[in-house]
Amino acid sequence: SVDVGGEVKGIGAHPEGRDWTVAIADPELPDAARHIIAPRGLALTTSGHTENGVQGRASASHIIDPHRQAAAAQSLRSVSVLHPSAMWADALATAFCAAGPEVGPRIAKRLDMPALFILDDAEQMTGGFEAYVLI
């Protein structure tokens, strides 16, 4: 398994013969896992606001919504994407996050892209992402 600052891809099998597993952090509790998934040879990337955002009275994200020309809506807490290419997974996760809580999932559905959208009060999976979720 290789992790390069938020992008991870497992190659081959775990030494115990099982699938590699990866935890997706809970945006509300960064030290806790929201889900454990088995990417099965796909790259997994998560984009969100917690790592580089500014919290406080005026909160702003480091992800920019190009349509509004402003910080992306933080009601979409994070987006995780599975793809054969870590580069594409990273680009898509950031693009879906920038697109926001309504448009991001619509685009992912249209592309049939396995993605997990964690919102303030819910989560949504697209493209068969649930098949990779163990917990």
C-alpha atoms as a PDB file:
ATOM      1  CA  SER A   1       0.000   0.000   0.000  1.00  0.00           C
ATOM      2  CA  VAL A   2       1.291   3.477  -0.891  1.00  0.00           C
ATOM      3  CA  ASP A   3      -0.016   6.690   0.703  1.00  0.00           C
ATOM      4  CA  VAL A   4       1.112  10.006  -0.740  1.00  0.00           C
ATOM      5  CA  GLY A   5      -0.498  12.725   1.361  1.00  0.00           C
ATOM      6  CA  GLY A   6      -4.164  11.832   0.985  1.00  0.00           C
ATOM      7  CA  GLU A   7      -3.990   9.543  -2.008  1.00  0.00           C
ATOM      8  CA  VAL A   8      -3.609   5.839  -1.345  1.00  0.00           C
ATOM      9  CA  LYS A   9      -3.396   2.785  -3.574  1.00  0.00           C
ATOM     10  CA  GLY A  10      -2.890  -0.804  -2.500  1.00  0.00           C
ATOM     11  CA  ILE A  11      -1.031  -3.057  -4.889  1.00  0.00           C
ATOM     12  CA  GLY A  12      -1.225  -6.825  -4.555  1.00  0.00           C
ATOM     13  CA  ALA A  13      -2.602  -8.543  -1.491  1.00  0.00           C
ATOM     14  CA  HIS A  14      -2.025  -7.901   2.177  1.00  0.00           C
ATOM     15  CA  PRO A  15       0.601 -10.306   3.639  1.00  0.00           C
ATOM     16  CA  GLU A  16      -2.258 -12.095   5.436  1.00  0.00           C
ATOM     17  CA  GLY A  17      -3.893 -12.747   2.041  1.00  0.00           C
ATOM     18  CA  ARG A  18      -6.833 -10.395   2.574  1.00  0.00           C
ATOM     19  CA  ASP A  19      -7.680  -7.172   0.782  1.00  0.00           C
ATOM     20  CA  TRP A  20      -5.910  -4.000   1.844  1.00  0.00           C
ATOM     21  CA  THR A  21      -8.188  -1.806   3.917  1.00  0.00           C
ATOM     22  CA  VAL A  22      -8.249   1.966   4.295  1.00  0.00           C
ATOM     23  CA  ALA A  23      -9.999   4.175   6.844  1.00  0.00           C
ATOM     24  CA  ILE A  24     -11.845   7.287   5.731  1.00  0.00           C
ATOM     25  CA  ALA A  25     -11.647   9.910   8.463  1.00  0.00           C
ATOM     26  CA  ASP A  26     -14.789  11.410   9.905  1.00  0.00           C
ATOM     27  CA  PRO A  27     -14.661  15.170   9.140  1.00  0.00           C
ATOM     28  CA  GLU A  28     -16.203  15.916  12.543  1.00  0.00           C
ATOM     29  CA  LEU A  29     -13.833  13.602  14.435  1.00  0.00           C
ATOM     30  CA  PRO A  30     -10.523  13.544  12.506  1.00  0.00           C
ATOM     31  CA  ASP A  31      -9.034  10.892  14.793  1.00  0.00           C
ATOM     32  CA  ALA A  32     -11.987   8.557  14.152  1.00  0.00           C
ATOM     33  CA  ALA A  33     -12.851   6.498  11.086  1.00  0.00           C
ATOM     34  CA  ARG A  34     -16.147   7.197   9.322  1.00  0.00           C
ATOM     35  CA  HIS A  35     -15.816   4.044   7.175  1.00  0.00           C
ATOM     36  CA  ILE A  36     -13.337   1.246   6.529  1.00  0.00           C
ATOM     37  CA  ILE A  37     -13.182   0.288   2.866  1.00  0.00           C
ATOM     38  CA  ALA A  38     -11.408  -2.280   0.696  1.00  0.00           C
ATOM     39  CA  PRO A  39     -10.378  -0.392  -2.482  1.00  0.00           C
ATOM     40  CA  ARG A  40      -9.495  -3.681  -4.286  1.00  0.00           C
ATOM     41  CA  GLY A  41      -6.670  -2.263  -6.376  1.00  0.00           C
ATOM     42  CA  LEU A  42      -8.232   1.154  -6.935  1.00  0.00           C
ATOM     43  CA  ALA A  43      -6.768   4.423  -5.694  1.00  0.00           C
ATOM     44  CA  LEU A  44      -8.694   6.256  -2.980  1.00  0.00           C
ATOM     45  CA  THR A  45      -8.499  10.002  -2.532  1.00  0.00           C
ATOM     46  CA  THR A  46     -10.383  12.249  -0.130  1.00  0.00           C
ATOM     47  CA  SER A  47     -10.769  16.006  -0.516  1.00  0.00           C
ATOM     48  CA  GLY A  48     -12.325  18.199   2.117  1.00  0.00           C
ATOM     49  CA  HIS A  49     -12.112  21.363   4.126  1.00  0.00           C
ATOM     50  CA  THR A  50     -10.822  20.235   7.514  1.00  0.00           C
ATOM     51  CA  GLU A  51      -7.096  19.884   6.827  1.00  0.00           C
ATOM     52  CA  ASN A  52      -6.445  23.245   5.194  1.00  0.00           C
ATOM     53  CA  GLY A  53      -9.561  25.260   5.966  1.00  0.00           C
ATOM     54  CA  VAL A  54      -9.776  28.123   8.412  1.00  0.00           C
ATOM     55  CA  GLN A  55     -12.216  27.637  11.278  1.00  0.00           C
ATOM     56  CA  GLY A  56     -13.716  30.294  13.500  1.00  0.00           C
ATOM     57  CA  ARG A  57     -16.036  33.254  13.127  1.00  0.00           C
ATOM     58  CA  ALA A  58     -15.278  33.541   9.400  1.00  0.00           C
ATOM     59  CA  SER A  59     -14.564  30.080   8.046  1.00  0.00           C
ATOM     60  CA  ALA A  60     -13.204  29.558   4.565  1.00  0.00           C
ATOM     61  CA  SER A  61     -12.078  26.578   2.576  1.00  0.00           C
ATOM     62  CA  HIS A  62      -8.906  26.214   0.555  1.00  0.00           C
ATOM     63  CA  ILE A  63     -11.100  24.673  -2.203  1.00  0.00           C
ATOM     64  CA  ILE A  64     -12.529  27.273  -4.569  1.00  0.00           C
ATOM     65  CA  ASP A  65     -15.921  27.031  -6.291  1.00  0.00           C
ATOM     66  CA  PRO A  66     -15.122  28.400  -9.773  1.00  0.00           C
ATOM     67  CA  HIS A  67     -18.746  29.341 -10.492  1.00  0.00           C
ATOM     68  CA  ARG A  68     -19.081  31.515  -7.407  1.00  0.00           C
ATOM     69  CA  GLN A  69     -15.405  32.544  -7.470  1.00  0.00           C
ATOM     70  CA  ALA A  70     -15.352  32.000  -3.723  1.00  0.00           C
ATOM     71  CA  ALA A  71     -14.545  29.346  -1.148  1.00  0.00           C
ATOM     72  CA  ALA A  72     -16.508  26.131  -1.683  1.00  0.00           C
ATOM     73  CA  ALA A  73     -19.532  25.408   0.499  1.00  0.00           C
ATOM     74  CA  GLN A  74     -18.446  23.648   3.652  1.00  0.00           C
ATOM     75  CA  SER A  75     -21.794  21.892   4.107  1.00  0.00           C
ATOM     76  CA  LEU A  76     -20.172  19.251   1.878  1.00  0.00           C
ATOM     77  CA  ARG A  77     -17.574  18.181   4.435  1.00  0.00           C
ATOM     78  CA  SER A  78     -15.549  15.780   2.256  1.00  0.00           C
ATOM     79  CA  VAL A  79     -15.591  13.703  -0.907  1.00  0.00           C
ATOM     80  CA  SER A  80     -13.796  10.372  -1.339  1.00  0.00           C
ATOM     81  CA  VAL A  81     -13.342   8.904  -4.830  1.00  0.00           C
ATOM     82  CA  LEU A  82     -12.215   5.474  -6.041  1.00  0.00           C
ATOM     83  CA  HIS A  83     -10.502   5.303  -9.448  1.00  0.00           C
ATOM     84  CA  PRO A  84      -7.753   3.208 -11.095  1.00  0.00           C
ATOM     85  CA  SER A  85      -5.560   6.339 -11.231  1.00  0.00           C
ATOM     86  CA  ALA A  86      -4.648   8.232  -8.033  1.00  0.00           C
ATOM     87  CA  MET A  87      -4.164  11.369 -10.130  1.00  0.00           C
ATOM     88  CA  TRP A  88      -7.713  11.162 -11.506  1.00  0.00           C
ATOM     89  CA  ALA A  89      -9.176  10.218  -8.119  1.00  0.00           C
ATOM     90  CA  ASP A  90      -7.551  13.314  -6.593  1.00  0.00           C
ATOM     91  CA  ALA A  91      -8.718  15.619  -9.372  1.00  0.00           C
ATOM     92  CA  LEU A  92     -12.282  14.264  -9.260  1.00  0.00           C
ATOM     93  CA  ALA A  93     -12.554  14.414  -5.458  1.00  0.00           C
ATOM     94  CA  THR A  94     -11.469  18.067  -5.462  1.00  0.00           C
ATOM     95  CA  ALA A  95     -13.752  18.925  -8.404  1.00  0.00           C
ATOM     96  CA  PHE A  96     -16.763  17.251  -6.767  1.00  0.00           C
ATOM     97  CA  CYS A  97     -16.000  19.083  -3.516  1.00  0.00           C
ATOM     98  CA  ALA A  98     -15.760  22.416  -5.358  1.00  0.00           C
ATOM     99  CA  ALA A  99     -19.034  21.697  -7.181  1.00  0.00           C
ATOM    100  CA  GLY A 100     -20.871  21.523  -3.872  1.00  0.00           C
ATOM    101  CA  PRO A 101     -23.426  19.341  -2.093  1.00  0.00           C
ATOM    102  CA  GLU A 102     -26.038  19.312  -4.866  1.00  0.00           C
ATOM    103  CA  VAL A 103     -24.022  19.462  -8.094  1.00  0.00           C
ATOM    104  CA  GLY A 104     -21.086  17.271  -6.994  1.00  0.00           C
ATOM    105  CA  PRO A 105     -23.164  14.121  -6.434  1.00  0.00           C
ATOM    106  CA  ARG A 106     -25.130  14.762  -9.654  1.00  0.00           C
ATOM    107  CA  ILE A 107     -21.909  14.836 -11.676  1.00  0.00           C
ATOM    108  CA  ALA A 108     -20.575  11.718  -9.933  1.00  0.00           C
ATOM    109  CA  LYS A 109     -23.835   9.880 -10.688  1.00  0.00           C
ATOM    110  CA  ARG A 110     -23.713  10.960 -14.333  1.00  0.00           C
ATOM    111  CA  LEU A 111     -20.125   9.644 -14.563  1.00  0.00           C
ATOM    112  CA  ASP A 112     -21.067   6.496 -12.580  1.00  0.00           C
ATOM    113  CA  MET A 113     -18.065   7.325 -10.376  1.00  0.00           C
ATOM    114  CA  PRO A 114     -17.665   5.477  -7.053  1.00  0.00           C
ATOM    115  CA  ALA A 115     -17.704   8.335  -4.548  1.00  0.00           C
ATOM    116  CA  LEU A 116     -18.657   9.068  -0.947  1.00  0.00           C
ATOM    117  CA  PHE A 117     -20.069  12.517  -0.160  1.00  0.00           C
ATOM    118  CA  ILE A 118     -20.121  13.400   3.546  1.00  0.00           C
ATOM    119  CA  LEU A 119     -22.409  16.326   4.277  1.00  0.00           C
ATOM    120  CA  ASP A 120     -23.174  18.137   7.526  1.00  0.00           C
ATOM    121  CA  ASP A 121     -26.092  15.871   8.347  1.00  0.00           C
ATOM    122  CA  ALA A 122     -25.963  12.954   5.905  1.00  0.00           C
ATOM    123  CA  GLU A 123     -23.858  11.014   3.458  1.00  0.00           C
ATOM    124  CA  GLN A 124     -24.418   9.885  -0.100  1.00  0.00           C
ATOM    125  CA  MET A 125     -22.665   7.178  -2.132  1.00  0.00           C
ATOM    126  CA  THR A 126     -22.561   7.030  -5.921  1.00  0.00           C
ATOM    127  CA  GLY A 127     -21.290   4.650  -8.590  1.00  0.00           C
ATOM    128  CA  GLY A 128     -21.394   1.535  -6.412  1.00  0.00           C
ATOM    129  CA  PHE A 129     -19.110   2.947  -3.690  1.00  0.00           C
ATOM    130  CA  GLU A 130     -21.091   0.973  -1.091  1.00  0.00           C
ATOM    131  CA  ALA A 131     -19.702  -2.296  -2.525  1.00  0.00           C
ATOM    132  CA  TYR A 132     -16.244  -1.289  -1.199  1.00  0.00           C
ATOM    133  CA  VAL A 133     -17.440  -0.378   2.312  1.00  0.00           C
ATOM    134  CA  LEU A 134     -16.647  -2.917   5.019  1.00  0.00           C
ATOM    135  CA  ILE A 135     -17.794  -0.810   7.989  1.00  0.00           C
END
